[in-house]
């Protein structure tokens, strides 16, 4: 039986502190696939909200202050961005800056909201599955 508090806690943790969400969901009695799905859903929802709101804020600031991202090809940051891009940001964000930080970075670099949210959501999927499966496996070994 799924408890509402376990569902809300796992989804909320997915949005706020993703790396702990699958383990918390399992600790609260959810099956590992459910915990992974809820953590992923919370993470993706947080990214979507920031991308939708941040897109308008970025456009307004660029118009008001007449600022555009300055792309210098010889800088280390731009070399990394050209190699990894959205996929790299999506894969590394769950264990580093989270969905909100990844959306802010992506939007600041001029990425469109839809591909940004897709990359962030898809990048979190293997992490959610891996963390949930690792937690479930560790618990079953201890028992």
C-alpha atoms as a PDB file:
ATOM      1  CA  UNK A   1       0.000   0.000   0.000  1.00  0.00           C
ATOM      2  CA  UNK A   2       1.376   3.391  -0.976  1.00  0.00           C
ATOM      3  CA  UNK A   3       1.162   6.118   1.621  1.00  0.00           C
ATOM      4  CA  UNK A   4       0.545   9.684   0.561  1.00  0.00           C
ATOM      5  CA  UNK A   5       3.297  10.987   2.838  1.00  0.00           C
ATOM      6  CA  UNK A   6       5.870   8.653   1.268  1.00  0.00           C
ATOM      7  CA  UNK A   7       4.815   9.714  -2.225  1.00  0.00           C
ATOM      8  CA  UNK A   8       4.892  13.437  -1.435  1.00  0.00           C
ATOM      9  CA  UNK A   9       8.175  13.188   0.472  1.00  0.00           C
ATOM     10  CA  UNK A  10       9.943  11.294  -2.288  1.00  0.00           C
ATOM     11  CA  UNK A  11       8.646  13.638  -4.991  1.00  0.00           C
ATOM     12  CA  UNK A  12       9.522  16.717  -2.938  1.00  0.00           C
ATOM     13  CA  UNK A  13      13.006  15.443  -2.201  1.00  0.00           C
ATOM     14  CA  UNK A  14      13.430  14.752  -5.903  1.00  0.00           C
ATOM     15  CA  UNK A  15      12.832  18.448  -6.532  1.00  0.00           C
ATOM     16  CA  UNK A  16      14.974  19.715  -3.656  1.00  0.00           C
ATOM     17  CA  UNK A  17      17.773  17.196  -3.071  1.00  0.00           C
ATOM     18  CA  UNK A  18      17.607  14.537  -5.745  1.00  0.00           C
ATOM     19  CA  UNK A  19      20.440  12.280  -4.652  1.00  0.00           C
ATOM     20  CA  UNK A  20      18.647  11.371  -1.406  1.00  0.00           C
ATOM     21  CA  UNK A  21      15.144  10.987  -2.842  1.00  0.00           C
ATOM     22  CA  UNK A  22      15.253   7.365  -4.098  1.00  0.00           C
ATOM     23  CA  UNK A  23      16.771   6.101  -0.857  1.00  0.00           C
ATOM     24  CA  UNK A  24      14.271   8.061   1.204  1.00  0.00           C
ATOM     25  CA  UNK A  25      11.398   6.670  -0.830  1.00  0.00           C
ATOM     26  CA  UNK A  26      12.604   3.124  -0.265  1.00  0.00           C
ATOM     27  CA  UNK A  27      13.111   3.823   3.443  1.00  0.00           C
ATOM     28  CA  UNK A  28       9.521   5.063   3.570  1.00  0.00           C
ATOM     29  CA  UNK A  29       8.278   1.746   2.208  1.00  0.00           C
ATOM     30  CA  UNK A  30       8.051   2.341  -1.525  1.00  0.00           C
ATOM     31  CA  UNK A  31       9.221  -0.252  -4.037  1.00  0.00           C
ATOM     32  CA  UNK A  32      12.453   0.773  -5.770  1.00  0.00           C
ATOM     33  CA  UNK A  33      10.830   1.390  -9.201  1.00  0.00           C
ATOM     34  CA  UNK A  34       8.180   3.601  -7.582  1.00  0.00           C
ATOM     35  CA  UNK A  35      10.794   5.495  -5.575  1.00  0.00           C
ATOM     36  CA  UNK A  36      12.858   6.029  -8.731  1.00  0.00           C
ATOM     37  CA  UNK A  37       9.848   7.241 -10.713  1.00  0.00           C
ATOM     38  CA  UNK A  38       8.715   9.664  -8.007  1.00  0.00           C
ATOM     39  CA  UNK A  39      12.214  11.072  -7.461  1.00  0.00           C
ATOM     40  CA  UNK A  40      12.581  11.517 -11.207  1.00  0.00           C
ATOM     41  CA  UNK A  41       9.154  13.168 -11.485  1.00  0.00           C
ATOM     42  CA  UNK A  42       9.969  15.661  -8.725  1.00  0.00           C
ATOM     43  CA  UNK A  43      13.338  16.450 -10.270  1.00  0.00           C
ATOM     44  CA  UNK A  44      11.809  16.944 -13.722  1.00  0.00           C
ATOM     45  CA  UNK A  45       8.982  19.107 -12.368  1.00  0.00           C
ATOM     46  CA  UNK A  46      11.447  21.416 -10.609  1.00  0.00           C
ATOM     47  CA  UNK A  47      13.427  21.776 -13.824  1.00  0.00           C
ATOM     48  CA  UNK A  48      10.279  22.482 -15.820  1.00  0.00           C
ATOM     49  CA  UNK A  49       9.107  25.203 -13.452  1.00  0.00           C
ATOM     50  CA  UNK A  50      12.466  26.974 -13.442  1.00  0.00           C
ATOM     51  CA  UNK A  51      12.823  26.652 -17.224  1.00  0.00           C
ATOM     52  CA  UNK A  52       9.390  28.140 -17.850  1.00  0.00           C
ATOM     53  CA  UNK A  53       9.804  31.028 -15.444  1.00  0.00           C
ATOM     54  CA  UNK A  54      13.504  31.544 -16.121  1.00  0.00           C
ATOM     55  CA  UNK A  55      13.030  31.779 -19.876  1.00  0.00           C
ATOM     56  CA  UNK A  56      10.924  34.916 -19.515  1.00  0.00           C
ATOM     57  CA  UNK A  57      13.250  36.396 -16.895  1.00  0.00           C
ATOM     58  CA  UNK A  58      16.293  35.787 -19.118  1.00  0.00           C
ATOM     59  CA  UNK A  59      14.640  37.376 -22.158  1.00  0.00           C
ATOM     60  CA  UNK A  60      13.558  40.399 -20.139  1.00  0.00           C
ATOM     61  CA  UNK A  61      17.046  40.896 -18.653  1.00  0.00           C
ATOM     62  CA  UNK A  62      18.730  40.541 -22.041  1.00  0.00           C
ATOM     63  CA  UNK A  63      16.410  43.176 -23.523  1.00  0.00           C
ATOM     64  CA  UNK A  64      16.663  45.553 -20.563  1.00  0.00           C
ATOM     65  CA  UNK A  65      20.429  45.371 -20.118  1.00  0.00           C
ATOM     66  CA  UNK A  66      21.326  44.514 -23.728  1.00  0.00           C
ATOM     67  CA  UNK A  67      23.454  41.565 -22.581  1.00  0.00           C
ATOM     68  CA  UNK A  68      24.100  38.427 -24.640  1.00  0.00           C
ATOM     69  CA  UNK A  69      26.226  35.393 -23.714  1.00  0.00           C
ATOM     70  CA  UNK A  70      29.789  36.132 -24.826  1.00  0.00           C
ATOM     71  CA  UNK A  71      31.207  33.025 -26.469  1.00  0.00           C
ATOM     72  CA  UNK A  72      34.977  32.816 -26.435  1.00  0.00           C
ATOM     73  CA  UNK A  73      35.998  29.544 -28.106  1.00  0.00           C
ATOM     74  CA  UNK A  74      39.426  29.361 -26.442  1.00  0.00           C
ATOM     75  CA  UNK A  75      38.026  29.413 -22.875  1.00  0.00           C
ATOM     76  CA  UNK A  76      37.941  26.115 -20.988  1.00  0.00           C
ATOM     77  CA  UNK A  77      34.258  26.532 -20.127  1.00  0.00           C
ATOM     78  CA  UNK A  78      33.221  26.866 -23.768  1.00  0.00           C
ATOM     79  CA  UNK A  79      35.418  23.944 -24.799  1.00  0.00           C
ATOM     80  CA  UNK A  80      33.642  21.774 -22.211  1.00  0.00           C
ATOM     81  CA  UNK A  81      30.232  23.101 -23.270  1.00  0.00           C
ATOM     82  CA  UNK A  82      30.952  22.360 -26.924  1.00  0.00           C
ATOM     83  CA  UNK A  83      31.949  18.770 -26.069  1.00  0.00           C
ATOM     84  CA  UNK A  84      29.246  17.956 -23.501  1.00  0.00           C
ATOM     85  CA  UNK A  85      26.476  20.453 -24.184  1.00  0.00           C
ATOM     86  CA  UNK A  86      22.974  19.787 -23.005  1.00  0.00           C
ATOM     87  CA  UNK A  87      23.497  16.045 -22.692  1.00  0.00           C
ATOM     88  CA  UNK A  88      26.514  16.533 -20.444  1.00  0.00           C
ATOM     89  CA  UNK A  89      24.659  19.111 -18.358  1.00  0.00           C
ATOM     90  CA  UNK A  90      21.687  16.772 -18.046  1.00  0.00           C
ATOM     91  CA  UNK A  91      23.837  13.838 -16.932  1.00  0.00           C
ATOM     92  CA  UNK A  92      25.964  15.697 -14.397  1.00  0.00           C
ATOM     93  CA  UNK A  93      23.291  17.981 -12.903  1.00  0.00           C
ATOM     94  CA  UNK A  94      21.528  15.374 -10.694  1.00  0.00           C
ATOM     95  CA  UNK A  95      24.646  14.845  -8.590  1.00  0.00           C
ATOM     96  CA  UNK A  96      26.000  18.390  -8.728  1.00  0.00           C
ATOM     97  CA  UNK A  97      23.853  21.506  -9.184  1.00  0.00           C
ATOM     98  CA  UNK A  98      20.390  19.956  -9.452  1.00  0.00           C
ATOM     99  CA  UNK A  99      17.558  20.811 -11.818  1.00  0.00           C
ATOM    100  CA  UNK A 100      17.213  24.429 -10.812  1.00  0.00           C
ATOM    101  CA  UNK A 101      20.892  25.205 -11.218  1.00  0.00           C
ATOM    102  CA  UNK A 102      21.071  23.310 -14.502  1.00  0.00           C
ATOM    103  CA  UNK A 103      18.125  25.265 -15.877  1.00  0.00           C
ATOM    104  CA  UNK A 104      19.651  28.563 -14.829  1.00  0.00           C
ATOM    105  CA  UNK A 105      22.957  27.629 -16.479  1.00  0.00           C
ATOM    106  CA  UNK A 106      21.290  26.365 -19.641  1.00  0.00           C
ATOM    107  CA  UNK A 107      19.036  29.398 -19.962  1.00  0.00           C
ATOM    108  CA  UNK A 108      21.921  31.771 -19.317  1.00  0.00           C
ATOM    109  CA  UNK A 109      23.782  30.087 -22.178  1.00  0.00           C
ATOM    110  CA  UNK A 110      20.863  30.704 -24.509  1.00  0.00           C
ATOM    111  CA  UNK A 111      19.308  27.239 -24.604  1.00  0.00           C
ATOM    112  CA  UNK A 112      15.598  26.892 -25.368  1.00  0.00           C
ATOM    113  CA  UNK A 113      13.384  25.694 -22.479  1.00  0.00           C
ATOM    114  CA  UNK A 114      11.958  22.546 -24.115  1.00  0.00           C
ATOM    115  CA  UNK A 115      15.278  20.911 -25.117  1.00  0.00           C
ATOM    116  CA  UNK A 116      16.746  22.006 -21.790  1.00  0.00           C
ATOM    117  CA  UNK A 117      13.998  20.349 -19.742  1.00  0.00           C
ATOM    118  CA  UNK A 118      14.192  17.207 -21.890  1.00  0.00           C
ATOM    119  CA  UNK A 119      17.951  16.955 -21.404  1.00  0.00           C
ATOM    120  CA  UNK A 120      17.691  17.525 -17.670  1.00  0.00           C
ATOM    121  CA  UNK A 121      14.872  14.997 -17.290  1.00  0.00           C
ATOM    122  CA  UNK A 122      16.538  12.335 -19.422  1.00  0.00           C
ATOM    123  CA  UNK A 123      19.859  12.866 -17.668  1.00  0.00           C
ATOM    124  CA  UNK A 124      18.263  12.187 -14.286  1.00  0.00           C
ATOM    125  CA  UNK A 125      16.626   8.940 -15.361  1.00  0.00           C
ATOM    126  CA  UNK A 126      19.716   6.679 -15.144  1.00  0.00           C
ATOM    127  CA  UNK A 127      20.661   8.259 -11.823  1.00  0.00           C
ATOM    128  CA  UNK A 128      17.185   7.662 -10.379  1.00  0.00           C
ATOM    129  CA  UNK A 129      17.183   4.039 -11.496  1.00  0.00           C
ATOM    130  CA  UNK A 130      20.753   3.435 -10.372  1.00  0.00           C
ATOM    131  CA  UNK A 131      20.358   5.029  -6.951  1.00  0.00           C
ATOM    132  CA  UNK A 132      17.092   3.207  -6.320  1.00  0.00           C
ATOM    133  CA  UNK A 133      18.430  -0.145  -7.429  1.00  0.00           C
ATOM    134  CA  UNK A 134      21.617   0.300  -5.395  1.00  0.00           C
ATOM    135  CA  UNK A 135      19.611   1.191  -2.286  1.00  0.00           C
ATOM    136  CA  UNK A 136      17.215  -1.727  -2.729  1.00  0.00           C
ATOM    137  CA  UNK A 137      20.132  -4.115  -3.317  1.00  0.00           C
ATOM    138  CA  UNK A 138      21.973  -2.881  -0.235  1.00  0.00           C
ATOM    139  CA  UNK A 139      18.878  -3.284   1.919  1.00  0.00           C
ATOM    140  CA  UNK A 140      18.298  -6.813   0.651  1.00  0.00           C
ATOM    141  CA  UNK A 141      21.931  -7.727   1.387  1.00  0.00           C
ATOM    142  CA  UNK A 142      21.658  -6.447   4.953  1.00  0.00           C
ATOM    143  CA  UNK A 143      18.477  -8.407   5.583  1.00  0.00           C
END
